[in-house]
Amino acid sequence: MKMGFVMSYAVGMAIRALFGIFSCLRIRMWGWELTSGIRKTMMLNGGTFGTFMAIRMDIAAHQGTYPSTSAPAHGL
């Protein structure tokens, strides 16, 4: 579950960095205000996305939705 959170947190931060830069520039933020705005939105979105994806990965792992790594993928 921890690995799922960390991976999802990184993905959420990267996505928000891309969209956050454009949204902050659109409302004409510059300098420290721009850096602070992007940083806050990256952390918020990373945490939210990471939490929900970690829960989803944990549920899927316990239900057997994800294939185990010990069995062959295609029955070979």
PDB file of N, CA and C in Angstrom:
ATOM      1  N   MET A   1       0.831  -1.191   0.000  1.00  0.00           N
ATOM      2  CA  MET A   1       0.000   0.000   0.000  1.00  0.00           C
ATOM      3  C   MET A   1       0.874   1.253   0.000  1.00  0.00           C
ATOM      4  N   LYS A   2       2.004   1.201   0.695  1.00  0.00           N
ATOM      5  CA  LYS A   2       2.887   2.357   0.743  1.00  0.00           C
ATOM      6  C   LYS A   2       3.477   2.650  -0.628  1.00  0.00           C
ATOM      7  N   MET A   3       3.868   1.606  -1.360  1.00  0.00           N
ATOM      8  CA  MET A   3       4.430   1.800  -2.684  1.00  0.00           C
ATOM      9  C   MET A   3       3.380   2.417  -3.620  1.00  0.00           C
ATOM     10  N   GLY A   4       2.140   1.960  -3.518  1.00  0.00           N
ATOM     11  CA  GLY A   4       1.075   2.521  -4.335  1.00  0.00           C
ATOM     12  C   GLY A   4       0.846   3.988  -4.039  1.00  0.00           C
ATOM     13  N   PHE A   5       0.931   4.357  -2.774  1.00  0.00           N
ATOM     14  CA  PHE A   5       0.751   5.758  -2.406  1.00  0.00           C
ATOM     15  C   PHE A   5       1.879   6.614  -2.959  1.00  0.00           C
ATOM     16  N   VAL A   6       3.110   6.155  -2.810  1.00  0.00           N
ATOM     17  CA  VAL A   6       4.262   6.943  -3.265  1.00  0.00           C
ATOM     18  C   VAL A   6       4.231   7.112  -4.780  1.00  0.00           C
ATOM     19  N   MET A   7       3.936   6.041  -5.495  1.00  0.00           N
ATOM     20  CA  MET A   7       3.876   6.133  -6.956  1.00  0.00           C
ATOM     21  C   MET A   7       2.737   7.057  -7.393  1.00  0.00           C
ATOM     22  N   SER A   8       1.594   6.922  -6.794  1.00  0.00           N
ATOM     23  CA  SER A   8       0.449   7.756  -7.156  1.00  0.00           C
ATOM     24  C   SER A   8       0.665   9.208  -6.751  1.00  0.00           C
ATOM     25  N   TYR A   9       1.345   9.429  -5.636  1.00  0.00           N
ATOM     26  CA  TYR A   9       1.656  10.781  -5.190  1.00  0.00           C
ATOM     27  C   TYR A   9       2.534  11.480  -6.217  1.00  0.00           C
ATOM     28  N   ALA A  10       3.537  10.763  -6.727  1.00  0.00           N
ATOM     29  CA  ALA A  10       4.432  11.338  -7.730  1.00  0.00           C
ATOM     30  C   ALA A  10       3.680  11.648  -9.021  1.00  0.00           C
ATOM     31  N   VAL A  11       2.805  10.748  -9.432  1.00  0.00           N
ATOM     32  CA  VAL A  11       2.020  10.974 -10.648  1.00  0.00           C
ATOM     33  C   VAL A  11       1.087  12.175 -10.460  1.00  0.00           C
ATOM     34  N   GLY A  12       0.422  12.246  -9.330  1.00  0.00           N
ATOM     35  CA  GLY A  12      -0.469  13.371  -9.047  1.00  0.00           C
ATOM     36  C   GLY A  12       0.262  14.700  -9.025  1.00  0.00           C
ATOM     37  N   MET A  13       1.460  14.710  -8.467  1.00  0.00           N
ATOM     38  CA  MET A  13       2.242  15.946  -8.438  1.00  0.00           C
ATOM     39  C   MET A  13       2.674  16.356  -9.839  1.00  0.00           C
ATOM     40  N   ALA A  14       3.087  15.401 -10.648  1.00  0.00           N
ATOM     41  CA  ALA A  14       3.529  15.720 -12.011  1.00  0.00           C
ATOM     42  C   ALA A  14       2.371  16.259 -12.853  1.00  0.00           C
ATOM     43  N   ILE A  15       1.223  15.637 -12.723  1.00  0.00           N
ATOM     44  CA  ILE A  15       0.058  16.102 -13.480  1.00  0.00           C
ATOM     45  C   ILE A  15      -0.325  17.511 -13.048  1.00  0.00           C
ATOM     46  N   ARG A  16      -0.333  17.728 -11.745  1.00  0.00           N
ATOM     47  CA  ARG A  16      -0.718  19.046 -11.248  1.00  0.00           C
ATOM     48  C   ARG A  16       0.320  20.103 -11.587  1.00  0.00           C
ATOM     49  N   ALA A  17       1.583  19.716 -11.688  1.00  0.00           N
ATOM     50  CA  ALA A  17       2.614  20.686 -12.076  1.00  0.00           C
ATOM     51  C   ALA A  17       2.334  21.200 -13.482  1.00  0.00           C
ATOM     52  N   LEU A  18       1.987  20.290 -14.376  1.00  0.00           N
ATOM     53  CA  LEU A  18       1.688  20.707 -15.748  1.00  0.00           C
ATOM     54  C   LEU A  18       0.477  21.629 -15.804  1.00  0.00           C
ATOM     55  N   PHE A  19      -0.615  21.205 -15.190  1.00  0.00           N
ATOM     56  CA  PHE A  19      -1.828  22.020 -15.232  1.00  0.00           C
ATOM     57  C   PHE A  19      -1.728  23.243 -14.329  1.00  0.00           C
ATOM     58  N   GLY A  20      -0.997  23.127 -13.224  1.00  0.00           N
ATOM     59  CA  GLY A  20      -0.873  24.241 -12.291  1.00  0.00           C
ATOM     60  C   GLY A  20      -0.100  25.415 -12.862  1.00  0.00           C
ATOM     61  N   ILE A  21       0.930  25.125 -13.639  1.00  0.00           N
ATOM     62  CA  ILE A  21       1.714  26.205 -14.251  1.00  0.00           C
ATOM     63  C   ILE A  21       0.829  27.026 -15.170  1.00  0.00           C
ATOM     64  N   PHE A  22       0.052  26.351 -15.994  1.00  0.00           N
ATOM     65  CA  PHE A  22      -0.799  27.079 -16.929  1.00  0.00           C
ATOM     66  C   PHE A  22      -1.906  27.848 -16.223  1.00  0.00           C
ATOM     67  N   SER A  23      -2.506  27.252 -15.212  1.00  0.00           N
ATOM     68  CA  SER A  23      -3.585  27.957 -14.517  1.00  0.00           C
ATOM     69  C   SER A  23      -3.052  29.148 -13.725  1.00  0.00           C
ATOM     70  N   CYS A  24      -1.877  29.013 -13.122  1.00  0.00           N
ATOM     71  CA  CYS A  24      -1.309  30.147 -12.369  1.00  0.00           C
ATOM     72  C   CYS A  24      -0.855  31.265 -13.306  1.00  0.00           C
ATOM     73  N   LEU A  25      -0.298  30.889 -14.455  1.00  0.00           N
ATOM     74  CA  LEU A  25       0.094  31.922 -15.414  1.00  0.00           C
ATOM     75  C   LEU A  25      -1.124  32.610 -16.024  1.00  0.00           C
ATOM     76  N   ARG A  26      -2.211  31.859 -16.172  1.00  0.00           N
ATOM     77  CA  ARG A  26      -3.421  32.431 -16.749  1.00  0.00           C
ATOM     78  C   ARG A  26      -3.995  33.546 -15.875  1.00  0.00           C
ATOM     79  N   ILE A  27      -3.871  33.396 -14.550  1.00  0.00           N
ATOM     80  CA  ILE A  27      -4.373  34.456 -13.670  1.00  0.00           C
ATOM     81  C   ILE A  27      -3.266  35.438 -13.291  1.00  0.00           C
ATOM     82  N   ARG A  28      -2.194  35.405 -14.075  1.00  0.00           N
ATOM     83  CA  ARG A  28      -1.087  36.379 -14.014  1.00  0.00           C
ATOM     84  C   ARG A  28      -0.314  36.380 -12.693  1.00  0.00           C
ATOM     85  N   MET A  29       0.022  35.186 -12.211  1.00  0.00           N
ATOM     86  CA  MET A  29       0.905  35.086 -11.047  1.00  0.00           C
ATOM     87  C   MET A  29       2.351  35.125 -11.536  1.00  0.00           C
ATOM     88  N   TRP A  30       3.225  35.778 -10.787  1.00  0.00           N
ATOM     89  CA  TRP A  30       4.641  35.839 -11.149  1.00  0.00           C
ATOM     90  C   TRP A  30       5.486  35.719  -9.898  1.00  0.00           C
ATOM     91  N   GLY A  31       6.727  35.312 -10.062  1.00  0.00           N
ATOM     92  CA  GLY A  31       7.690  35.277  -8.972  1.00  0.00           C
ATOM     93  C   GLY A  31       7.338  34.314  -7.863  1.00  0.00           C
ATOM     94  N   TRP A  32       7.453  34.812  -6.638  1.00  0.00           N
ATOM     95  CA  TRP A  32       7.219  33.985  -5.463  1.00  0.00           C
ATOM     96  C   TRP A  32       5.777  33.502  -5.404  1.00  0.00           C
ATOM     97  N   GLU A  33       4.849  34.327  -5.831  1.00  0.00           N
ATOM     98  CA  GLU A  33       3.443  33.959  -5.840  1.00  0.00           C
ATOM     99  C   GLU A  33       3.206  32.756  -6.761  1.00  0.00           C
ATOM    100  N   LEU A  34       3.844  32.752  -7.925  1.00  0.00           N
ATOM    101  CA  LEU A  34       3.725  31.642  -8.874  1.00  0.00           C
ATOM    102  C   LEU A  34       4.309  30.362  -8.286  1.00  0.00           C
ATOM    103  N   THR A  35       5.497  30.458  -7.722  1.00  0.00           N
ATOM    104  CA  THR A  35       6.146  29.288  -7.129  1.00  0.00           C
ATOM    105  C   THR A  35       5.321  28.727  -5.975  1.00  0.00           C
ATOM    106  N   SER A  36       4.835  29.597  -5.135  1.00  0.00           N
ATOM    107  CA  SER A  36       4.039  29.166  -3.987  1.00  0.00           C
ATOM    108  C   SER A  36       2.722  28.532  -4.430  1.00  0.00           C
ATOM    109  N   GLY A  37       2.086  29.124  -5.425  1.00  0.00           N
ATOM    110  CA  GLY A  37       0.821  28.587  -5.913  1.00  0.00           C
ATOM    111  C   GLY A  37       0.973  27.209  -6.532  1.00  0.00           C
ATOM    112  N   ILE A  38       2.011  27.032  -7.322  1.00  0.00           N
ATOM    113  CA  ILE A  38       2.245  25.733  -7.959  1.00  0.00           C
ATOM    114  C   ILE A  38       2.605  24.689  -6.911  1.00  0.00           C
ATOM    115  N   ARG A  39       3.446  25.063  -5.966  1.00  0.00           N
ATOM    116  CA  ARG A  39       3.854  24.122  -4.920  1.00  0.00           C
ATOM    117  C   ARG A  39       2.669  23.648  -4.092  1.00  0.00           C
ATOM    118  N   LYS A  40       1.800  24.570  -3.713  1.00  0.00           N
ATOM    119  CA  LYS A  40       0.633  24.203  -2.902  1.00  0.00           C
ATOM    120  C   LYS A  40      -0.306  23.281  -3.662  1.00  0.00           C
ATOM    121  N   THR A  41      -0.566  23.597  -4.926  1.00  0.00           N
ATOM    122  CA  THR A  41      -1.489  22.762  -5.687  1.00  0.00           C
ATOM    123  C   THR A  41      -0.884  21.397  -5.999  1.00  0.00           C
ATOM    124  N   MET A  42       0.432  21.345  -6.200  1.00  0.00           N
ATOM    125  CA  MET A  42       1.083  20.052  -6.443  1.00  0.00           C
ATOM    126  C   MET A  42       0.977  19.148  -5.222  1.00  0.00           C
ATOM    127  N   MET A  43       1.230  19.684  -4.054  1.00  0.00           N
ATOM    128  CA  MET A  43       1.165  18.886  -2.837  1.00  0.00           C
ATOM    129  C   MET A  43      -0.266  18.432  -2.552  1.00  0.00           C
ATOM    130  N   LEU A  44      -1.225  19.312  -2.733  1.00  0.00           N
ATOM    131  CA  LEU A  44      -2.615  18.967  -2.479  1.00  0.00           C
ATOM    132  C   LEU A  44      -3.083  17.880  -3.448  1.00  0.00           C
ATOM    133  N   ASN A  45      -2.827  18.060  -4.722  1.00  0.00           N
ATOM    134  CA  ASN A  45      -3.282  17.090  -5.708  1.00  0.00           C
ATOM    135  C   ASN A  45      -2.526  15.772  -5.574  1.00  0.00           C
ATOM    136  N   GLY A  46      -1.233  15.831  -5.289  1.00  0.00           N
ATOM    137  CA  GLY A  46      -0.469  14.609  -5.094  1.00  0.00           C
ATOM    138  C   GLY A  46      -0.981  13.796  -3.928  1.00  0.00           C
ATOM    139  N   GLY A  47      -1.274  14.454  -2.833  1.00  0.00           N
ATOM    140  CA  GLY A  47      -1.797  13.751  -1.663  1.00  0.00           C
ATOM    141  C   GLY A  47      -3.162  13.143  -1.902  1.00  0.00           C
ATOM    142  N   THR A  48      -4.023  13.890  -2.566  1.00  0.00           N
ATOM    143  CA  THR A  48      -5.368  13.380  -2.849  1.00  0.00           C
ATOM    144  C   THR A  48      -5.318  12.200  -3.798  1.00  0.00           C
ATOM    145  N   PHE A  49      -4.609  12.365  -4.897  1.00  0.00           N
ATOM    146  CA  PHE A  49      -4.511  11.297  -5.889  1.00  0.00           C
ATOM    147  C   PHE A  49      -3.810  10.080  -5.301  1.00  0.00           C
ATOM    148  N   GLY A  50      -2.767  10.310  -4.526  1.00  0.00           N
ATOM    149  CA  GLY A  50      -2.038   9.212  -3.903  1.00  0.00           C
ATOM    150  C   GLY A  50      -2.885   8.426  -2.925  1.00  0.00           C
ATOM    151  N   THR A  51      -3.683   9.112  -2.136  1.00  0.00           N
ATOM    152  CA  THR A  51      -4.535   8.435  -1.163  1.00  0.00           C
ATOM    153  C   THR A  51      -5.565   7.544  -1.842  1.00  0.00           C
ATOM    154  N   PHE A  52      -6.268   8.098  -2.809  1.00  0.00           N
ATOM    155  CA  PHE A  52      -7.324   7.324  -3.459  1.00  0.00           C
ATOM    156  C   PHE A  52      -6.766   6.176  -4.304  1.00  0.00           C
ATOM    157  N   MET A  53      -5.641   6.376  -4.965  1.00  0.00           N
ATOM    158  CA  MET A  53      -5.061   5.292  -5.756  1.00  0.00           C
ATOM    159  C   MET A  53      -4.474   4.208  -4.870  1.00  0.00           C
ATOM    160  N   ALA A  54      -3.919   4.573  -3.726  1.00  0.00           N
ATOM    161  CA  ALA A  54      -3.409   3.558  -2.804  1.00  0.00           C
ATOM    162  C   ALA A  54      -4.547   2.701  -2.268  1.00  0.00           C
ATOM    163  N   ILE A  55      -5.671   3.327  -1.951  1.00  0.00           N
ATOM    164  CA  ILE A  55      -6.840   2.561  -1.499  1.00  0.00           C
ATOM    165  C   ILE A  55      -7.319   1.650  -2.612  1.00  0.00           C
ATOM    166  N   ARG A  56      -7.364   2.156  -3.825  1.00  0.00           N
ATOM    167  CA  ARG A  56      -7.814   1.360  -4.962  1.00  0.00           C
ATOM    168  C   ARG A  56      -6.876   0.174  -5.215  1.00  0.00           C
ATOM    169  N   MET A  57      -5.582   0.391  -5.144  1.00  0.00           N
ATOM    170  CA  MET A  57      -4.628  -0.689  -5.358  1.00  0.00           C
ATOM    171  C   MET A  57      -4.730  -1.739  -4.257  1.00  0.00           C
ATOM    172  N   ASP A  58      -4.970  -1.301  -3.026  1.00  0.00           N
ATOM    173  CA  ASP A  58      -5.111  -2.238  -1.922  1.00  0.00           C
ATOM    174  C   ASP A  58      -6.366  -3.093  -2.077  1.00  0.00           C
ATOM    175  N   ILE A  59      -7.466  -2.464  -2.465  1.00  0.00           N
ATOM    176  CA  ILE A  59      -8.702  -3.219  -2.688  1.00  0.00           C
ATOM    177  C   ILE A  59      -8.523  -4.219  -3.817  1.00  0.00           C
ATOM    178  N   ALA A  60      -7.922  -3.791  -4.908  1.00  0.00           N
ATOM    179  CA  ALA A  60      -7.725  -4.678  -6.050  1.00  0.00           C
ATOM    180  C   ALA A  60      -6.783  -5.824  -5.712  1.00  0.00           C
ATOM    181  N   ALA A  61      -5.782  -5.569  -4.896  1.00  0.00           N
ATOM    182  CA  ALA A  61      -4.834  -6.623  -4.524  1.00  0.00           C
ATOM    183  C   ALA A  61      -5.514  -7.680  -3.643  1.00  0.00           C
ATOM    184  N   HIS A  62      -6.404  -7.249  -2.760  1.00  0.00           N
ATOM    185  CA  HIS A  62      -7.083  -8.196  -1.880  1.00  0.00           C
ATOM    186  C   HIS A  62      -8.196  -8.968  -2.589  1.00  0.00           C
ATOM    187  N   GLN A  63      -8.728  -8.417  -3.653  1.00  0.00           N
ATOM    188  CA  GLN A  63      -9.767  -9.101  -4.406  1.00  0.00           C
ATOM    189  C   GLN A  63      -9.190 -10.036  -5.455  1.00  0.00           C
ATOM    190  N   GLY A  64      -7.900  -9.935  -5.698  1.00  0.00           N
ATOM    191  CA  GLY A  64      -7.275 -10.783  -6.704  1.00  0.00           C
ATOM    192  C   GLY A  64      -7.411 -10.243  -8.109  1.00  0.00           C
ATOM    193  N   THR A  65      -7.695  -8.958  -8.244  1.00  0.00           N
ATOM    194  CA  THR A  65      -7.827  -8.361  -9.563  1.00  0.00           C
ATOM    195  C   THR A  65      -6.490  -8.284 -10.274  1.00  0.00           C
ATOM    196  N   TYR A  66      -5.436  -7.977  -9.535  1.00  0.00           N
ATOM    197  CA  TYR A  66      -4.111  -7.913 -10.121  1.00  0.00           C
ATOM    198  C   TYR A  66      -3.510  -9.313 -10.157  1.00  0.00           C
ATOM    199  N   PRO A  67      -2.878  -9.698 -11.259  1.00  0.00           N
ATOM    200  CA  PRO A  67      -2.270 -11.037 -11.307  1.00  0.00           C
ATOM    201  C   PRO A  67      -1.069 -11.122 -10.390  1.00  0.00           C
ATOM    202  N   SER A  68      -0.843 -12.306  -9.829  1.00  0.00           N
ATOM    203  CA  SER A  68       0.316 -12.460  -8.966  1.00  0.00           C
ATOM    204  C   SER A  68       1.561 -12.587  -9.831  1.00  0.00           C
ATOM    205  N   THR A  69       2.697 -12.254  -9.255  1.00  0.00           N
ATOM    206  CA  THR A  69       3.938 -12.296 -10.029  1.00  0.00           C
ATOM    207  C   THR A  69       4.528 -13.691 -10.080  1.00  0.00           C
ATOM    208  N   SER A  70       4.048 -14.625  -9.260  1.00  0.00           N
ATOM    209  CA  SER A  70       4.616 -15.964  -9.240  1.00  0.00           C
ATOM    210  C   SER A  70       4.051 -16.843 -10.345  1.00  0.00           C
ATOM    211  N   ALA A  71       2.830 -16.568 -10.813  1.00  0.00           N
ATOM    212  CA  ALA A  71       2.215 -17.376 -11.856  1.00  0.00           C
ATOM    213  C   ALA A  71       2.541 -16.795 -13.232  1.00  0.00           C
ATOM    214  N   PRO A  72       2.667 -17.640 -14.244  1.00  0.00           N
ATOM    215  CA  PRO A  72       2.899 -17.127 -15.596  1.00  0.00           C
ATOM    216  C   PRO A  72       1.719 -16.272 -16.057  1.00  0.00           C
ATOM    217  N   ALA A  73       2.038 -15.237 -16.823  1.00  0.00           N
ATOM    218  CA  ALA A  73       0.997 -14.290 -17.239  1.00  0.00           C
ATOM    219  C   ALA A  73       0.007 -14.906 -18.220  1.00  0.00           C
ATOM    220  N   HIS A  74       0.489 -15.742 -19.146  1.00  0.00           N
ATOM    221  CA  HIS A  74      -0.388 -16.276 -20.186  1.00  0.00           C
ATOM    222  C   HIS A  74      -0.498 -17.792 -20.123  1.00  0.00           C
ATOM    223  N   GLY A  75      -0.199 -18.374 -18.995  1.00  0.00           N
ATOM    224  CA  GLY A  75      -0.331 -19.820 -18.828  1.00  0.00           C
ATOM    225  C   GLY A  75       0.715 -20.614 -19.584  1.00  0.00           C
ATOM    226  N   LEU A  76       1.820 -19.979 -19.887  1.00  0.00           N
ATOM    227  CA  LEU A  76       2.879 -20.697 -20.606  1.00  0.00           C
ATOM    228  C   LEU A  76       3.691 -21.575 -19.690  1.00  0.00           C
TER     229      LEU A  76
END
